[in-house]
């Protein structure tokens, strides 16, 4: 896992909104995600690709749709790494 990639992915408000929607409502098809934003389908596809590359979401084809879900493993690993950085930073 790359914490840099994860933090870059989390740095965008649209991507954070996508993650919140998945957290609050569970797995969602790409079309439902896109319908929530005043952005082009291509822009939403880009955001989803960044989240997938950062391993924050998983994508699974179900029939003609691609359904996205959260991958909590990376969140947990990121929090652990940040906590380790904070602990190391507190030492003098």
PDB file of N, CA and C in Angstrom:
ATOM      1  N   UNK A   1       0.834  -1.179   0.000  1.00  0.00           N
ATOM      2  CA  UNK A   1       0.000   0.000   0.000  1.00  0.00           C
ATOM      3  C   UNK A   1       0.876   1.238   0.000  1.00  0.00           C
ATOM      4  N   UNK A   2       0.450   2.242  -0.714  1.00  0.00           N
ATOM      5  CA  UNK A   2       1.166   3.502  -0.745  1.00  0.00           C
ATOM      6  C   UNK A   2       0.329   4.549  -0.035  1.00  0.00           C
ATOM      7  N   UNK A   3       0.826   5.042   1.087  1.00  0.00           N
ATOM      8  CA  UNK A   3       0.083   6.061   1.826  1.00  0.00           C
ATOM      9  C   UNK A   3      -0.041   7.330   0.993  1.00  0.00           C
ATOM     10  N   UNK A   4       0.970   7.624   0.162  1.00  0.00           N
ATOM     11  CA  UNK A   4       0.899   8.812  -0.691  1.00  0.00           C
ATOM     12  C   UNK A   4      -0.275   8.708  -1.663  1.00  0.00           C
ATOM     13  N   UNK A   5      -0.420   7.561  -2.288  1.00  0.00           N
ATOM     14  CA  UNK A   5      -1.508   7.345  -3.243  1.00  0.00           C
ATOM     15  C   UNK A   5      -2.863   7.457  -2.535  1.00  0.00           C
ATOM     16  N   UNK A   6      -2.933   6.885  -1.352  1.00  0.00           N
ATOM     17  CA  UNK A   6      -4.174   6.918  -0.582  1.00  0.00           C
ATOM     18  C   UNK A   6      -4.532   8.350  -0.202  1.00  0.00           C
ATOM     19  N   UNK A   7      -3.561   9.088   0.309  1.00  0.00           N
ATOM     20  CA  UNK A   7      -3.834  10.463   0.728  1.00  0.00           C
ATOM     21  C   UNK A   7      -4.176  11.352  -0.454  1.00  0.00           C
ATOM     22  N   UNK A   8      -3.529  11.135  -1.600  1.00  0.00           N
ATOM     23  CA  UNK A   8      -3.883  11.900  -2.808  1.00  0.00           C
ATOM     24  C   UNK A   8      -5.327  11.615  -3.211  1.00  0.00           C
ATOM     25  N   UNK A   9      -5.710  10.354  -3.149  1.00  0.00           N
ATOM     26  CA  UNK A   9      -7.087   9.985  -3.511  1.00  0.00           C
ATOM     27  C   UNK A   9      -8.083  10.627  -2.558  1.00  0.00           C
ATOM     28  N   UNK A  10      -7.741  10.680  -1.281  1.00  0.00           N
ATOM     29  CA  UNK A  10      -8.636  11.258  -0.286  1.00  0.00           C
ATOM     30  C   UNK A  10      -8.644  12.785  -0.320  1.00  0.00           C
ATOM     31  N   UNK A  11      -7.701  13.376  -1.017  1.00  0.00           N
ATOM     32  CA  UNK A  11      -7.583  14.828  -1.069  1.00  0.00           C
ATOM     33  C   UNK A  11      -8.644  15.523  -1.896  1.00  0.00           C
ATOM     34  N   UNK A  12      -9.393  14.782  -2.683  1.00  0.00           N
ATOM     35  CA  UNK A  12     -10.389  15.391  -3.569  1.00  0.00           C
ATOM     36  C   UNK A  12     -11.788  15.303  -2.938  1.00  0.00           C
ATOM     37  N   UNK A  13     -12.528  16.415  -2.884  1.00  0.00           N
ATOM     38  CA  UNK A  13     -13.850  16.392  -2.250  1.00  0.00           C
ATOM     39  C   UNK A  13     -14.864  15.486  -2.957  1.00  0.00           C
ATOM     40  N   UNK A  14     -14.776  15.372  -4.263  1.00  0.00           N
ATOM     41  CA  UNK A  14     -15.701  14.471  -4.970  1.00  0.00           C
ATOM     42  C   UNK A  14     -15.440  13.029  -4.588  1.00  0.00           C
ATOM     43  N   UNK A  15     -14.171  12.661  -4.516  1.00  0.00           N
ATOM     44  CA  UNK A  15     -13.843  11.284  -4.135  1.00  0.00           C
ATOM     45  C   UNK A  15     -14.263  10.994  -2.693  1.00  0.00           C
ATOM     46  N   UNK A  16     -14.095  11.978  -1.812  1.00  0.00           N
ATOM     47  CA  UNK A  16     -14.556  11.775  -0.442  1.00  0.00           C
ATOM     48  C   UNK A  16     -16.075  11.614  -0.395  1.00  0.00           C
ATOM     49  N   UNK A  17     -16.792  12.367  -1.219  1.00  0.00           N
ATOM     50  CA  UNK A  17     -18.257  12.235  -1.272  1.00  0.00           C
ATOM     51  C   UNK A  17     -18.662  10.862  -1.796  1.00  0.00           C
ATOM     52  N   UNK A  18     -17.934  10.340  -2.759  1.00  0.00           N
ATOM     53  CA  UNK A  18     -18.207   8.988  -3.264  1.00  0.00           C
ATOM     54  C   UNK A  18     -18.004   7.972  -2.148  1.00  0.00           C
ATOM     55  N   UNK A  19     -16.917   8.107  -1.409  1.00  0.00           N
ATOM     56  CA  UNK A  19     -16.640   7.184  -0.307  1.00  0.00           C
ATOM     57  C   UNK A  19     -17.721   7.272   0.777  1.00  0.00           C
ATOM     58  N   UNK A  20     -18.176   8.494   1.078  1.00  0.00           N
ATOM     59  CA  UNK A  20     -19.254   8.645   2.067  1.00  0.00           C
ATOM     60  C   UNK A  20     -20.523   7.953   1.599  1.00  0.00           C
ATOM     61  N   UNK A  21     -20.856   8.102   0.324  1.00  0.00           N
ATOM     62  CA  UNK A  21     -22.055   7.452  -0.217  1.00  0.00           C
ATOM     63  C   UNK A  21     -21.945   5.937  -0.084  1.00  0.00           C
ATOM     64  N   UNK A  22     -20.785   5.390  -0.394  1.00  0.00           N
ATOM     65  CA  UNK A  22     -20.591   3.944  -0.274  1.00  0.00           C
ATOM     66  C   UNK A  22     -20.644   3.503   1.187  1.00  0.00           C
ATOM     67  N   UNK A  23     -20.103   4.317   2.069  1.00  0.00           N
ATOM     68  CA  UNK A  23     -20.141   3.980   3.499  1.00  0.00           C
ATOM     69  C   UNK A  23     -21.575   4.014   4.025  1.00  0.00           C
ATOM     70  N   UNK A  24     -22.330   5.022   3.629  1.00  0.00           N
ATOM     71  CA  UNK A  24     -23.681   5.204   4.157  1.00  0.00           C
ATOM     72  C   UNK A  24     -24.714   4.279   3.528  1.00  0.00           C
ATOM     73  N   UNK A  25     -24.536   3.962   2.256  1.00  0.00           N
ATOM     74  CA  UNK A  25     -25.571   3.226   1.528  1.00  0.00           C
ATOM     75  C   UNK A  25     -25.145   1.842   1.065  1.00  0.00           C
ATOM     76  N   UNK A  26     -23.880   1.517   1.231  1.00  0.00           N
ATOM     77  CA  UNK A  26     -23.409   0.213   0.783  1.00  0.00           C
ATOM     78  C   UNK A  26     -23.017   0.240  -0.678  1.00  0.00           C
ATOM     79  N   UNK A  27     -22.893  -0.927  -1.251  1.00  0.00           N
ATOM     80  CA  UNK A  27     -22.451  -1.070  -2.635  1.00  0.00           C
ATOM     81  C   UNK A  27     -23.377  -0.314  -3.579  1.00  0.00           C
ATOM     82  N   UNK A  28     -22.768   0.363  -4.577  1.00  0.00           N
ATOM     83  CA  UNK A  28     -23.551   1.138  -5.540  1.00  0.00           C
ATOM     84  C   UNK A  28     -23.017   0.927  -6.951  1.00  0.00           C
ATOM     85  N   UNK A  29     -23.922   0.843  -7.929  1.00  0.00           N
ATOM     86  CA  UNK A  29     -23.482   0.781  -9.325  1.00  0.00           C
ATOM     87  C   UNK A  29     -22.904   2.129  -9.763  1.00  0.00           C
ATOM     88  N   UNK A  30     -22.020   2.093 -10.725  1.00  0.00           N
ATOM     89  CA  UNK A  30     -21.366   3.304 -11.213  1.00  0.00           C
ATOM     90  C   UNK A  30     -22.381   4.342 -11.679  1.00  0.00           C
ATOM     91  N   UNK A  31     -23.441   3.916 -12.335  1.00  0.00           N
ATOM     92  CA  UNK A  31     -24.450   4.849 -12.824  1.00  0.00           C
ATOM     93  C   UNK A  31     -25.154   5.590 -11.698  1.00  0.00           C
ATOM     94  N   UNK A  32     -25.418   4.897 -10.600  1.00  0.00           N
ATOM     95  CA  UNK A  32     -26.038   5.549  -9.435  1.00  0.00           C
ATOM     96  C   UNK A  32     -25.092   6.543  -8.796  1.00  0.00           C
ATOM     97  N   UNK A  33     -23.836   6.197  -8.747  1.00  0.00           N
ATOM     98  CA  UNK A  33     -22.840   7.123  -8.205  1.00  0.00           C
ATOM     99  C   UNK A  33     -22.777   8.370  -9.077  1.00  0.00           C
ATOM    100  N   UNK A  34     -22.700   8.179 -10.382  1.00  0.00           N
ATOM    101  CA  UNK A  34     -22.585   9.307 -11.302  1.00  0.00           C
ATOM    102  C   UNK A  34     -23.801  10.223 -11.235  1.00  0.00           C
ATOM    103  N   UNK A  35     -24.986   9.657 -11.017  1.00  0.00           N
ATOM    104  CA  UNK A  35     -26.218  10.453 -10.988  1.00  0.00           C
ATOM    105  C   UNK A  35     -26.238  11.426  -9.807  1.00  0.00           C
ATOM    106  N   UNK A  36     -25.396  11.233  -8.833  1.00  0.00           N
ATOM    107  CA  UNK A  36     -25.371  12.085  -7.640  1.00  0.00           C
ATOM    108  C   UNK A  36     -24.567  13.372  -7.825  1.00  0.00           C
ATOM    109  N   UNK A  37     -23.823  13.464  -8.913  1.00  0.00           N
ATOM    110  CA  UNK A  37     -22.896  14.574  -9.088  1.00  0.00           C
ATOM    111  C   UNK A  37     -23.165  15.318 -10.397  1.00  0.00           C
ATOM    112  N   UNK A  38     -22.952  16.627 -10.390  1.00  0.00           N
ATOM    113  CA  UNK A  38     -23.119  17.414 -11.617  1.00  0.00           C
ATOM    114  C   UNK A  38     -21.850  17.377 -12.476  1.00  0.00           C
ATOM    115  N   UNK A  39     -21.337  16.182 -12.698  1.00  0.00           N
ATOM    116  CA  UNK A  39     -20.109  15.985 -13.461  1.00  0.00           C
ATOM    117  C   UNK A  39     -20.391  15.046 -14.623  1.00  0.00           C
ATOM    118  N   UNK A  40     -19.496  15.044 -15.591  1.00  0.00           N
ATOM    119  CA  UNK A  40     -19.657  14.133 -16.722  1.00  0.00           C
ATOM    120  C   UNK A  40     -19.384  12.698 -16.268  1.00  0.00           C
ATOM    121  N   UNK A  41     -19.900  11.763 -17.026  1.00  0.00           N
ATOM    122  CA  UNK A  41     -19.644  10.345 -16.747  1.00  0.00           C
ATOM    123  C   UNK A  41     -18.146  10.063 -16.779  1.00  0.00           C
ATOM    124  N   UNK A  42     -17.455  10.699 -17.715  1.00  0.00           N
ATOM    125  CA  UNK A  42     -16.002  10.502 -17.820  1.00  0.00           C
ATOM    126  C   UNK A  42     -15.279  10.988 -16.562  1.00  0.00           C
ATOM    127  N   UNK A  43     -15.726  12.108 -16.006  1.00  0.00           N
ATOM    128  CA  UNK A  43     -15.100  12.631 -14.795  1.00  0.00           C
ATOM    129  C   UNK A  43     -15.323  11.690 -13.609  1.00  0.00           C
ATOM    130  N   UNK A  44     -16.546  11.185 -13.474  1.00  0.00           N
ATOM    131  CA  UNK A  44     -16.840  10.242 -12.390  1.00  0.00           C
ATOM    132  C   UNK A  44     -16.031   8.955 -12.587  1.00  0.00           C
ATOM    133  N   UNK A  45     -15.930   8.496 -13.820  1.00  0.00           N
ATOM    134  CA  UNK A  45     -15.131   7.299 -14.100  1.00  0.00           C
ATOM    135  C   UNK A  45     -13.680   7.508 -13.678  1.00  0.00           C
ATOM    136  N   UNK A  46     -13.159   8.701 -13.925  1.00  0.00           N
ATOM    137  CA  UNK A  46     -11.787   9.017 -13.509  1.00  0.00           C
ATOM    138  C   UNK A  46     -11.672   8.959 -11.985  1.00  0.00           C
ATOM    139  N   UNK A  47     -12.612   9.579 -11.283  1.00  0.00           N
ATOM    140  CA  UNK A  47     -12.578   9.561  -9.817  1.00  0.00           C
ATOM    141  C   UNK A  47     -12.646   8.135  -9.283  1.00  0.00           C
ATOM    142  N   UNK A  48     -13.513   7.323  -9.867  1.00  0.00           N
ATOM    143  CA  UNK A  48     -13.628   5.923  -9.430  1.00  0.00           C
ATOM    144  C   UNK A  48     -12.334   5.156  -9.710  1.00  0.00           C
ATOM    145  N   UNK A  49     -11.705   5.446 -10.840  1.00  0.00           N
ATOM    146  CA  UNK A  49     -10.434   4.779 -11.170  1.00  0.00           C
ATOM    147  C   UNK A  49      -9.345   5.152 -10.168  1.00  0.00           C
ATOM    148  N   UNK A  50      -9.306   6.416  -9.755  1.00  0.00           N
ATOM    149  CA  UNK A  50      -8.314   6.843  -8.763  1.00  0.00           C
ATOM    150  C   UNK A  50      -8.561   6.135  -7.439  1.00  0.00           C
ATOM    151  N   UNK A  51      -9.818   6.050  -7.024  1.00  0.00           N
ATOM    152  CA  UNK A  51     -10.155   5.356  -5.783  1.00  0.00           C
ATOM    153  C   UNK A  51      -9.813   3.870  -5.866  1.00  0.00           C
ATOM    154  N   UNK A  52     -10.047   3.293  -7.025  1.00  0.00           N
ATOM    155  CA  UNK A  52      -9.736   1.869  -7.216  1.00  0.00           C
ATOM    156  C   UNK A  52      -8.223   1.651  -7.203  1.00  0.00           C
ATOM    157  N   UNK A  53      -7.484   2.519  -7.863  1.00  0.00           N
ATOM    158  CA  UNK A  53      -6.023   2.402  -7.890  1.00  0.00           C
ATOM    159  C   UNK A  53      -5.440   2.537  -6.484  1.00  0.00           C
ATOM    160  N   UNK A  54      -6.066   3.384  -5.668  1.00  0.00           N
ATOM    161  CA  UNK A  54      -5.615   3.566  -4.286  1.00  0.00           C
ATOM    162  C   UNK A  54      -6.118   2.442  -3.384  1.00  0.00           C
ATOM    163  N   UNK A  55      -6.881   1.537  -3.958  1.00  0.00           N
ATOM    164  CA  UNK A  55      -7.435   0.378  -3.246  1.00  0.00           C
ATOM    165  C   UNK A  55      -8.399   0.776  -2.128  1.00  0.00           C
ATOM    166  N   UNK A  56      -9.059   1.923  -2.340  1.00  0.00           N
ATOM    167  CA  UNK A  56     -10.076   2.363  -1.390  1.00  0.00           C
ATOM    168  C   UNK A  56     -11.441   1.786  -1.731  1.00  0.00           C
ATOM    169  N   UNK A  57     -11.610   1.402  -2.998  1.00  0.00           N
ATOM    170  CA  UNK A  57     -12.850   0.755  -3.428  1.00  0.00           C
ATOM    171  C   UNK A  57     -12.508  -0.482  -4.248  1.00  0.00           C
ATOM    172  N   UNK A  58     -13.473  -1.359  -4.312  1.00  0.00           N
ATOM    173  CA  UNK A  58     -13.394  -2.528  -5.183  1.00  0.00           C
ATOM    174  C   UNK A  58     -14.507  -2.411  -6.202  1.00  0.00           C
ATOM    175  N   UNK A  59     -14.263  -2.922  -7.389  1.00  0.00           N
ATOM    176  CA  UNK A  59     -15.261  -2.905  -8.446  1.00  0.00           C
ATOM    177  C   UNK A  59     -15.543  -4.333  -8.887  1.00  0.00           C
ATOM    178  N   UNK A  60     -16.812  -4.631  -9.051  1.00  0.00           N
ATOM    179  CA  UNK A  60     -17.215  -5.963  -9.489  1.00  0.00           C
ATOM    180  C   UNK A  60     -18.292  -5.830 -10.557  1.00  0.00           C
ATOM    181  N   UNK A  61     -18.066  -6.500 -11.673  1.00  0.00           N
ATOM    182  CA  UNK A  61     -19.072  -6.486 -12.733  1.00  0.00           C
ATOM    183  C   UNK A  61     -20.227  -7.383 -12.328  1.00  0.00           C
ATOM    184  N   UNK A  62     -21.427  -6.818 -12.397  1.00  0.00           N
ATOM    185  CA  UNK A  62     -22.651  -7.573 -12.132  1.00  0.00           C
ATOM    186  C   UNK A  62     -23.586  -7.329 -13.314  1.00  0.00           C
ATOM    187  N   UNK A  63     -23.600  -8.289 -14.211  1.00  0.00           N
ATOM    188  CA  UNK A  63     -24.373  -8.107 -15.439  1.00  0.00           C
ATOM    189  C   UNK A  63     -23.766  -7.004 -16.280  1.00  0.00           C
ATOM    190  N   UNK A  64     -24.571  -6.001 -16.588  1.00  0.00           N
ATOM    191  CA  UNK A  64     -24.090  -4.885 -17.408  1.00  0.00           C
ATOM    192  C   UNK A  64     -23.565  -3.724 -16.575  1.00  0.00           C
ATOM    193  N   UNK A  65     -23.616  -3.851 -15.260  1.00  0.00           N
ATOM    194  CA  UNK A  65     -23.180  -2.773 -14.364  1.00  0.00           C
ATOM    195  C   UNK A  65     -21.870  -3.125 -13.687  1.00  0.00           C
ATOM    196  N   UNK A  66     -21.167  -2.079 -13.280  1.00  0.00           N
ATOM    197  CA  UNK A  66     -20.016  -2.245 -12.403  1.00  0.00           C
ATOM    198  C   UNK A  66     -20.436  -1.692 -11.055  1.00  0.00           C
ATOM    199  N   UNK A  67     -20.351  -2.528 -10.034  1.00  0.00           N
ATOM    200  CA  UNK A  67     -20.785  -2.153  -8.692  1.00  0.00           C
ATOM    201  C   UNK A  67     -19.546  -1.909  -7.841  1.00  0.00           C
ATOM    202  N   UNK A  68     -19.554  -0.764  -7.154  1.00  0.00           N
ATOM    203  CA  UNK A  68     -18.420  -0.363  -6.324  1.00  0.00           C
ATOM    204  C   UNK A  68     -18.747  -0.566  -4.852  1.00  0.00           C
ATOM    205  N   UNK A  69     -17.723  -0.966  -4.089  1.00  0.00           N
ATOM    206  CA  UNK A  69     -17.855  -1.138  -2.648  1.00  0.00           C
ATOM    207  C   UNK A  69     -16.575  -0.641  -1.978  1.00  0.00           C
ATOM    208  N   UNK A  70     -16.705  -0.265  -0.707  1.00  0.00           N
ATOM    209  CA  UNK A  70     -15.540   0.179   0.058  1.00  0.00           C
ATOM    210  C   UNK A  70     -14.610  -0.988   0.344  1.00  0.00           C
ATOM    211  N   UNK A  71     -13.319  -0.687   0.390  1.00  0.00           N
ATOM    212  CA  UNK A  71     -12.325  -1.653   0.860  1.00  0.00           C
ATOM    213  C   UNK A  71     -11.753  -1.074   2.146  1.00  0.00           C
ATOM    214  N   UNK A  72     -12.268  -1.523   3.270  1.00  0.00           N
ATOM    215  CA  UNK A  72     -11.890  -0.959   4.571  1.00  0.00           C
ATOM    216  C   UNK A  72     -10.458  -1.303   4.978  1.00  0.00           C
ATOM    217  N   UNK A  73      -9.854  -2.293   4.371  1.00  0.00           N
ATOM    218  CA  UNK A  73      -8.491  -2.692   4.722  1.00  0.00           C
ATOM    219  C   UNK A  73      -7.522  -1.534   4.559  1.00  0.00           C
ATOM    220  N   UNK A  74      -7.622  -0.812   3.450  1.00  0.00           N
ATOM    221  CA  UNK A  74      -6.693   0.283   3.198  1.00  0.00           C
ATOM    222  C   UNK A  74      -6.925   1.419   4.188  1.00  0.00           C
ATOM    223  N   UNK A  75      -8.179   1.701   4.520  1.00  0.00           N
ATOM    224  CA  UNK A  75      -8.449   2.722   5.531  1.00  0.00           C
ATOM    225  C   UNK A  75      -7.751   2.368   6.845  1.00  0.00           C
ATOM    226  N   UNK A  76      -7.898   1.136   7.268  1.00  0.00           N
ATOM    227  CA  UNK A  76      -7.287   0.706   8.521  1.00  0.00           C
ATOM    228  C   UNK A  76      -5.769   0.800   8.461  1.00  0.00           C
ATOM    229  N   UNK A  77      -5.177   0.379   7.359  1.00  0.00           N
ATOM    230  CA  UNK A  77      -3.728   0.448   7.210  1.00  0.00           C
ATOM    231  C   UNK A  77      -3.248   1.899   7.209  1.00  0.00           C
ATOM    232  N   UNK A  78      -4.003   2.785   6.553  1.00  0.00           N
ATOM    233  CA  UNK A  78      -3.627   4.194   6.500  1.00  0.00           C
ATOM    234  C   UNK A  78      -3.659   4.813   7.888  1.00  0.00           C
ATOM    235  N   UNK A  79      -4.705   4.536   8.644  1.00  0.00           N
ATOM    236  CA  UNK A  79      -4.801   5.062  10.007  1.00  0.00           C
ATOM    237  C   UNK A  79      -3.628   4.557  10.842  1.00  0.00           C
ATOM    238  N   UNK A  80      -3.297   3.281  10.719  1.00  0.00           N
ATOM    239  CA  UNK A  80      -2.168   2.735  11.474  1.00  0.00           C
ATOM    240  C   UNK A  80      -0.866   3.442  11.107  1.00  0.00           C
ATOM    241  N   UNK A  81      -0.647   3.694   9.824  1.00  0.00           N
ATOM    242  CA  UNK A  81       0.580   4.365   9.398  1.00  0.00           C
ATOM    243  C   UNK A  81       0.631   5.803   9.910  1.00  0.00           C
ATOM    244  N   UNK A  82      -0.503   6.500   9.845  1.00  0.00           N
ATOM    245  CA  UNK A  82      -0.547   7.876  10.337  1.00  0.00           C
ATOM    246  C   UNK A  82      -0.261   7.900  11.839  1.00  0.00           C
ATOM    247  N   UNK A  83      -0.838   6.973  12.578  1.00  0.00           N
ATOM    248  CA  UNK A  83      -0.586   6.911  14.016  1.00  0.00           C
ATOM    249  C   UNK A  83       0.888   6.642  14.305  1.00  0.00           C
ATOM    250  N   UNK A  84       1.506   5.758  13.526  1.00  0.00           N
ATOM    251  CA  UNK A  84       2.940   5.500  13.712  1.00  0.00           C
ATOM    252  C   UNK A  84       3.764   6.751  13.434  1.00  0.00           C
ATOM    253  N   UNK A  85       3.378   7.499  12.388  1.00  0.00           N
ATOM    254  CA  UNK A  85       4.090   8.752  12.079  1.00  0.00           C
ATOM    255  C   UNK A  85       3.952   9.749  13.209  1.00  0.00           C
ATOM    256  N   UNK A  86       2.741   9.846  13.769  1.00  0.00           N
ATOM    257  CA  UNK A  86       2.517  10.781  14.867  1.00  0.00           C
ATOM    258  C   UNK A  86       3.309  10.388  16.110  1.00  0.00           C
ATOM    259  N   UNK A  87       3.367   9.077  16.378  1.00  0.00           N
ATOM    260  CA  UNK A  87       4.137   8.595  17.518  1.00  0.00           C
ATOM    261  C   UNK A  87       5.621   8.903  17.334  1.00  0.00           C
ATOM    262  N   UNK A  88       6.128   8.651  16.131  1.00  0.00           N
ATOM    263  CA  UNK A  88       7.550   8.910  15.849  1.00  0.00           C
ATOM    264  C   UNK A  88       7.845  10.404  15.905  1.00  0.00           C
ATOM    265  N   UNK A  89       6.902  11.230  15.473  1.00  0.00           N
ATOM    266  CA  UNK A  89       7.096  12.664  15.475  1.00  0.00           C
ATOM    267  C   UNK A  89       7.098  13.267  16.860  1.00  0.00           C
ATOM    268  N   UNK A  90       6.481  12.572  17.810  1.00  0.00           N
ATOM    269  CA  UNK A  90       6.417  13.088  19.181  1.00  0.00           C
ATOM    270  C   UNK A  90       7.690  12.839  19.976  1.00  0.00           C
ATOM    271  N   UNK A  91       8.566  12.027  19.447  1.00  0.00           N
ATOM    272  CA  UNK A  91       9.832  11.715  20.141  1.00  0.00           C
ATOM    273  C   UNK A  91      10.898  12.749  19.803  1.00  0.00           C
ATOM    274  N   UNK A  92      11.643  13.151  20.782  1.00  0.00           N
ATOM    275  CA  UNK A  92      12.740  14.102  20.510  1.00  0.00           C
ATOM    276  C   UNK A  92      14.050  13.546  20.961  1.00  0.00           C
TER     277      UNK A  92
END
